[in-house]
Amino acid sequence: MNVLVDENLTPSLVQRLAAKGVAAVHVAHIGMPGATDPEVWTYAYGARPDRRR
């Protein structure tokens, strides 16, 4: 399971999840601080602008 942690949650949650074997990344760590909810959802579901279809 991969988890994208939104900015309303602490970035330290990434390390806590990793300790439990869950791959996670915080939006601030991928250059998305201040992103809107639709932008986060788009990234999370793989329709990122940098990915060509």
PDB file of N, CA and C in Angstrom:
ATOM      1  N   MET A   1       0.848  -1.169   0.000  1.00  0.00           N
ATOM      2  CA  MET A   1       0.000   0.000   0.000  1.00  0.00           C
ATOM      3  C   MET A   1       0.898   1.237   0.000  1.00  0.00           C
ATOM      4  N   ASN A   2       0.530   2.224  -0.784  1.00  0.00           N
ATOM      5  CA  ASN A   2       1.209   3.511  -0.810  1.00  0.00           C
ATOM      6  C   ASN A   2       0.242   4.569  -0.307  1.00  0.00           C
ATOM      7  N   VAL A   3       0.750   5.449   0.537  1.00  0.00           N
ATOM      8  CA  VAL A   3      -0.090   6.485   1.132  1.00  0.00           C
ATOM      9  C   VAL A   3       0.483   7.858   0.805  1.00  0.00           C
ATOM     10  N   LEU A   4      -0.370   8.749   0.366  1.00  0.00           N
ATOM     11  CA  LEU A   4       0.002  10.140   0.155  1.00  0.00           C
ATOM     12  C   LEU A   4      -0.596  10.929   1.320  1.00  0.00           C
ATOM     13  N   VAL A   5       0.269  11.488   2.144  1.00  0.00           N
ATOM     14  CA  VAL A   5      -0.165  12.197   3.354  1.00  0.00           C
ATOM     15  C   VAL A   5      -0.412  13.668   3.004  1.00  0.00           C
ATOM     16  N   ASP A   6      -1.613  14.140   3.243  1.00  0.00           N
ATOM     17  CA  ASP A   6      -1.987  15.517   2.943  1.00  0.00           C
ATOM     18  C   ASP A   6      -1.356  16.472   3.946  1.00  0.00           C
ATOM     19  N   GLU A   7      -1.290  17.746   3.567  1.00  0.00           N
ATOM     20  CA  GLU A   7      -0.590  18.715   4.401  1.00  0.00           C
ATOM     21  C   GLU A   7      -1.296  19.056   5.704  1.00  0.00           C
ATOM     22  N   ASN A   8      -2.525  18.638   5.865  1.00  0.00           N
ATOM     23  CA  ASN A   8      -3.191  18.886   7.140  1.00  0.00           C
ATOM     24  C   ASN A   8      -2.738  17.889   8.211  1.00  0.00           C
ATOM     25  N   LEU A   9      -1.926  16.915   7.801  1.00  0.00           N
ATOM     26  CA  LEU A   9      -1.359  15.946   8.734  1.00  0.00           C
ATOM     27  C   LEU A   9       0.143  16.188   8.846  1.00  0.00           C
ATOM     28  N   THR A  10       0.699  15.856   9.988  1.00  0.00           N
ATOM     29  CA  THR A  10       2.113  16.090  10.239  1.00  0.00           C
ATOM     30  C   THR A  10       3.005  15.231   9.340  1.00  0.00           C
ATOM     31  N   PRO A  11       4.078  15.817   8.813  1.00  0.00           N
ATOM     32  CA  PRO A  11       5.010  15.032   7.999  1.00  0.00           C
ATOM     33  C   PRO A  11       5.632  13.860   8.760  1.00  0.00           C
ATOM     34  N   SER A  12       5.688  13.940  10.073  1.00  0.00           N
ATOM     35  CA  SER A  12       6.262  12.835  10.857  1.00  0.00           C
ATOM     36  C   SER A  12       5.432  11.557  10.733  1.00  0.00           C
ATOM     37  N   LEU A  13       4.228  11.674  10.245  1.00  0.00           N
ATOM     38  CA  LEU A  13       3.388  10.494  10.031  1.00  0.00           C
ATOM     39  C   LEU A  13       4.030   9.558   9.005  1.00  0.00           C
ATOM     40  N   VAL A  14       4.797  10.121   8.072  1.00  0.00           N
ATOM     41  CA  VAL A  14       5.482   9.301   7.061  1.00  0.00           C
ATOM     42  C   VAL A  14       6.416   8.299   7.743  1.00  0.00           C
ATOM     43  N   GLN A  15       7.205   8.752   8.709  1.00  0.00           N
ATOM     44  CA  GLN A  15       8.123   7.860   9.413  1.00  0.00           C
ATOM     45  C   GLN A  15       7.369   6.838  10.255  1.00  0.00           C
ATOM     46  N   ARG A  16       6.287   7.254  10.865  1.00  0.00           N
ATOM     47  CA  ARG A  16       5.498   6.313  11.672  1.00  0.00           C
ATOM     48  C   ARG A  16       4.901   5.208  10.813  1.00  0.00           C
ATOM     49  N   LEU A  17       4.416   5.590   9.637  1.00  0.00           N
ATOM     50  CA  LEU A  17       3.868   4.586   8.721  1.00  0.00           C
ATOM     51  C   LEU A  17       4.966   3.659   8.212  1.00  0.00           C
ATOM     52  N   ALA A  18       6.133   4.221   7.897  1.00  0.00           N
ATOM     53  CA  ALA A  18       7.255   3.408   7.429  1.00  0.00           C
ATOM     54  C   ALA A  18       7.644   2.359   8.471  1.00  0.00           C
ATOM     55  N   ALA A  19       7.589   2.724   9.736  1.00  0.00           N
ATOM     56  CA  ALA A  19       7.911   1.786  10.815  1.00  0.00           C
ATOM     57  C   ALA A  19       6.938   0.614  10.855  1.00  0.00           C
ATOM     58  N   LYS A  20       5.755   0.833  10.287  1.00  0.00           N
ATOM     59  CA  LYS A  20       4.741  -0.226  10.227  1.00  0.00           C
ATOM     60  C   LYS A  20       4.752  -0.948   8.878  1.00  0.00           C
ATOM     61  N   GLY A  21       5.708  -0.570   8.010  1.00  0.00           N
ATOM     62  CA  GLY A  21       5.814  -1.226   6.717  1.00  0.00           C
ATOM     63  C   GLY A  21       4.966  -0.619   5.613  1.00  0.00           C
ATOM     64  N   VAL A  22       4.479   0.597   5.844  1.00  0.00           N
ATOM     65  CA  VAL A  22       3.622   1.262   4.859  1.00  0.00           C
ATOM     66  C   VAL A  22       4.443   2.348   4.146  1.00  0.00           C
ATOM     67  N   ALA A  23       4.479   2.278   2.820  1.00  0.00           N
ATOM     68  CA  ALA A  23       5.181   3.296   2.035  1.00  0.00           C
ATOM     69  C   ALA A  23       4.333   4.556   2.004  1.00  0.00           C
ATOM     70  N   ALA A  24       4.931   5.669   2.375  1.00  0.00           N
ATOM     71  CA  ALA A  24       4.177   6.927   2.426  1.00  0.00           C
ATOM     72  C   ALA A  24       5.073   8.086   2.039  1.00  0.00           C
ATOM     73  N   VAL A  25       4.446   9.136   1.554  1.00  0.00           N
ATOM     74  CA  VAL A  25       5.130  10.378   1.232  1.00  0.00           C
ATOM     75  C   VAL A  25       4.199  11.531   1.580  1.00  0.00           C
ATOM     76  N   HIS A  26       4.777  12.609   2.074  1.00  0.00           N
ATOM     77  CA  HIS A  26       3.989  13.791   2.429  1.00  0.00           C
ATOM     78  C   HIS A  26       3.973  14.740   1.242  1.00  0.00           C
ATOM     79  N   VAL A  27       2.853  15.415   1.000  1.00  0.00           N
ATOM     80  CA  VAL A  27       2.751  16.311  -0.151  1.00  0.00           C
ATOM     81  C   VAL A  27       3.838  17.381  -0.150  1.00  0.00           C
ATOM     82  N   ALA A  28       4.271  17.826   1.007  1.00  0.00           N
ATOM     83  CA  ALA A  28       5.330  18.845   1.079  1.00  0.00           C
ATOM     84  C   ALA A  28       6.666  18.310   0.583  1.00  0.00           C
ATOM     85  N   HIS A  29       6.862  16.997   0.682  1.00  0.00           N
ATOM     86  CA  HIS A  29       8.127  16.391   0.269  1.00  0.00           C
ATOM     87  C   HIS A  29       8.190  16.136  -1.231  1.00  0.00           C
ATOM     88  N   ILE A  30       7.091  16.313  -1.927  1.00  0.00           N
ATOM     89  CA  ILE A  30       7.074  16.091  -3.375  1.00  0.00           C
ATOM     90  C   ILE A  30       6.773  17.385  -4.128  1.00  0.00           C
ATOM     91  N   GLY A  31       6.973  18.499  -3.443  1.00  0.00           N
ATOM     92  CA  GLY A  31       6.810  19.786  -4.102  1.00  0.00           C
ATOM     93  C   GLY A  31       5.378  20.233  -4.301  1.00  0.00           C
ATOM     94  N   MET A  32       4.479  19.770  -3.445  1.00  0.00           N
ATOM     95  CA  MET A  32       3.076  20.140  -3.581  1.00  0.00           C
ATOM     96  C   MET A  32       2.499  20.863  -2.368  1.00  0.00           C
ATOM     97  N   PRO A  33       3.301  21.628  -1.618  1.00  0.00           N
ATOM     98  CA  PRO A  33       2.685  22.341  -0.493  1.00  0.00           C
ATOM     99  C   PRO A  33       1.702  23.369  -1.036  1.00  0.00           C
ATOM    100  N   GLY A  34       0.563  23.464  -0.415  1.00  0.00           N
ATOM    101  CA  GLY A  34      -0.454  24.419  -0.854  1.00  0.00           C
ATOM    102  C   GLY A  34      -1.297  23.930  -2.005  1.00  0.00           C
ATOM    103  N   ALA A  35      -1.093  22.680  -2.431  1.00  0.00           N
ATOM    104  CA  ALA A  35      -1.885  22.134  -3.532  1.00  0.00           C
ATOM    105  C   ALA A  35      -3.350  22.020  -3.129  1.00  0.00           C
ATOM    106  N   THR A  36      -4.217  22.203  -4.096  1.00  0.00           N
ATOM    107  CA  THR A  36      -5.651  22.047  -3.837  1.00  0.00           C
ATOM    108  C   THR A  36      -5.984  20.563  -3.718  1.00  0.00           C
ATOM    109  N   ASP A  37      -7.140  20.272  -3.149  1.00  0.00           N
ATOM    110  CA  ASP A  37      -7.559  18.873  -3.039  1.00  0.00           C
ATOM    111  C   ASP A  37      -7.634  18.203  -4.414  1.00  0.00           C
ATOM    112  N   PRO A  38      -8.214  18.851  -5.432  1.00  0.00           N
ATOM    113  CA  PRO A  38      -8.229  18.202  -6.754  1.00  0.00           C
ATOM    114  C   PRO A  38      -6.822  17.930  -7.304  1.00  0.00           C
ATOM    115  N   GLU A  39      -5.867  18.804  -7.036  1.00  0.00           N
ATOM    116  CA  GLU A  39      -4.490  18.573  -7.485  1.00  0.00           C
ATOM    117  C   GLU A  39      -3.880  17.367  -6.773  1.00  0.00           C
ATOM    118  N   VAL A  40      -4.142  17.245  -5.495  1.00  0.00           N
ATOM    119  CA  VAL A  40      -3.627  16.103  -4.722  1.00  0.00           C
ATOM    120  C   VAL A  40      -4.262  14.815  -5.231  1.00  0.00           C
ATOM    121  N   TRP A  41      -5.545  14.807  -5.450  1.00  0.00           N
ATOM    122  CA  TRP A  41      -6.237  13.623  -5.971  1.00  0.00           C
ATOM    123  C   TRP A  41      -5.702  13.241  -7.344  1.00  0.00           C
ATOM    124  N   THR A  42      -5.484  14.223  -8.193  1.00  0.00           N
ATOM    125  CA  THR A  42      -4.956  13.947  -9.527  1.00  0.00           C
ATOM    126  C   THR A  42      -3.578  13.301  -9.426  1.00  0.00           C
ATOM    127  N   TYR A  43      -2.735  13.832  -8.573  1.00  0.00           N
ATOM    128  CA  TYR A  43      -1.411  13.250  -8.376  1.00  0.00           C
ATOM    129  C   TYR A  43      -1.530  11.822  -7.839  1.00  0.00           C
ATOM    130  N   ALA A  44      -2.361  11.651  -6.833  1.00  0.00           N
ATOM    131  CA  ALA A  44      -2.500  10.348  -6.179  1.00  0.00           C
ATOM    132  C   ALA A  44      -3.006   9.275  -7.140  1.00  0.00           C
ATOM    133  N   TYR A  45      -3.817   9.645  -8.072  1.00  0.00           N
ATOM    134  CA  TYR A  45      -4.376   8.673  -9.012  1.00  0.00           C
ATOM    135  C   TYR A  45      -3.603   8.580 -10.312  1.00  0.00           C
ATOM    136  N   GLY A  46      -2.420   9.197 -10.361  1.00  0.00           N
ATOM    137  CA  GLY A  46      -1.517   8.981 -11.469  1.00  0.00           C
ATOM    138  C   GLY A  46      -1.731   9.814 -12.709  1.00  0.00           C
ATOM    139  N   ALA A  47      -2.611  10.784 -12.671  1.00  0.00           N
ATOM    140  CA  ALA A  47      -2.832  11.632 -13.843  1.00  0.00           C
ATOM    141  C   ALA A  47      -2.006  12.900 -13.725  1.00  0.00           C
ATOM    142  N   ARG A  48      -0.744  12.738 -13.331  1.00  0.00           N
ATOM    143  CA  ARG A  48       0.135  13.879 -13.146  1.00  0.00           C
ATOM    144  C   ARG A  48       0.497  14.483 -14.490  1.00  0.00           C
ATOM    145  N   PRO A  49       0.687  15.795 -14.522  1.00  0.00           N
ATOM    146  CA  PRO A  49       1.041  16.462 -15.774  1.00  0.00           C
ATOM    147  C   PRO A  49       2.349  15.944 -16.377  1.00  0.00           C
ATOM    148  N   ASP A  50       3.260  15.420 -15.546  1.00  0.00           N
ATOM    149  CA  ASP A  50       4.543  14.941 -16.060  1.00  0.00           C
ATOM    150  C   ASP A  50       4.465  13.536 -16.645  1.00  0.00           C
ATOM    151  N   ARG A  51       3.324  12.903 -16.537  1.00  0.00           N
ATOM    152  CA  ARG A  51       3.138  11.553 -17.043  1.00  0.00           C
ATOM    153  C   ARG A  51       2.313  11.594 -18.323  1.00  0.00           C
ATOM    154  N   ARG A  52       2.904  11.176 -19.408  1.00  0.00           N
ATOM    155  CA  ARG A  52       2.174  11.193 -20.685  1.00  0.00           C
ATOM    156  C   ARG A  52       1.355   9.951 -20.848  1.00  0.00           C
ATOM    157  N   ARG A  53       0.216  10.105 -21.484  1.00  0.00           N
ATOM    158  CA  ARG A  53      -0.666   8.951 -21.723  1.00  0.00           C
ATOM    159  C   ARG A  53      -0.600   8.544 -23.153  1.00  0.00           C
TER     160      ARG A  53
END
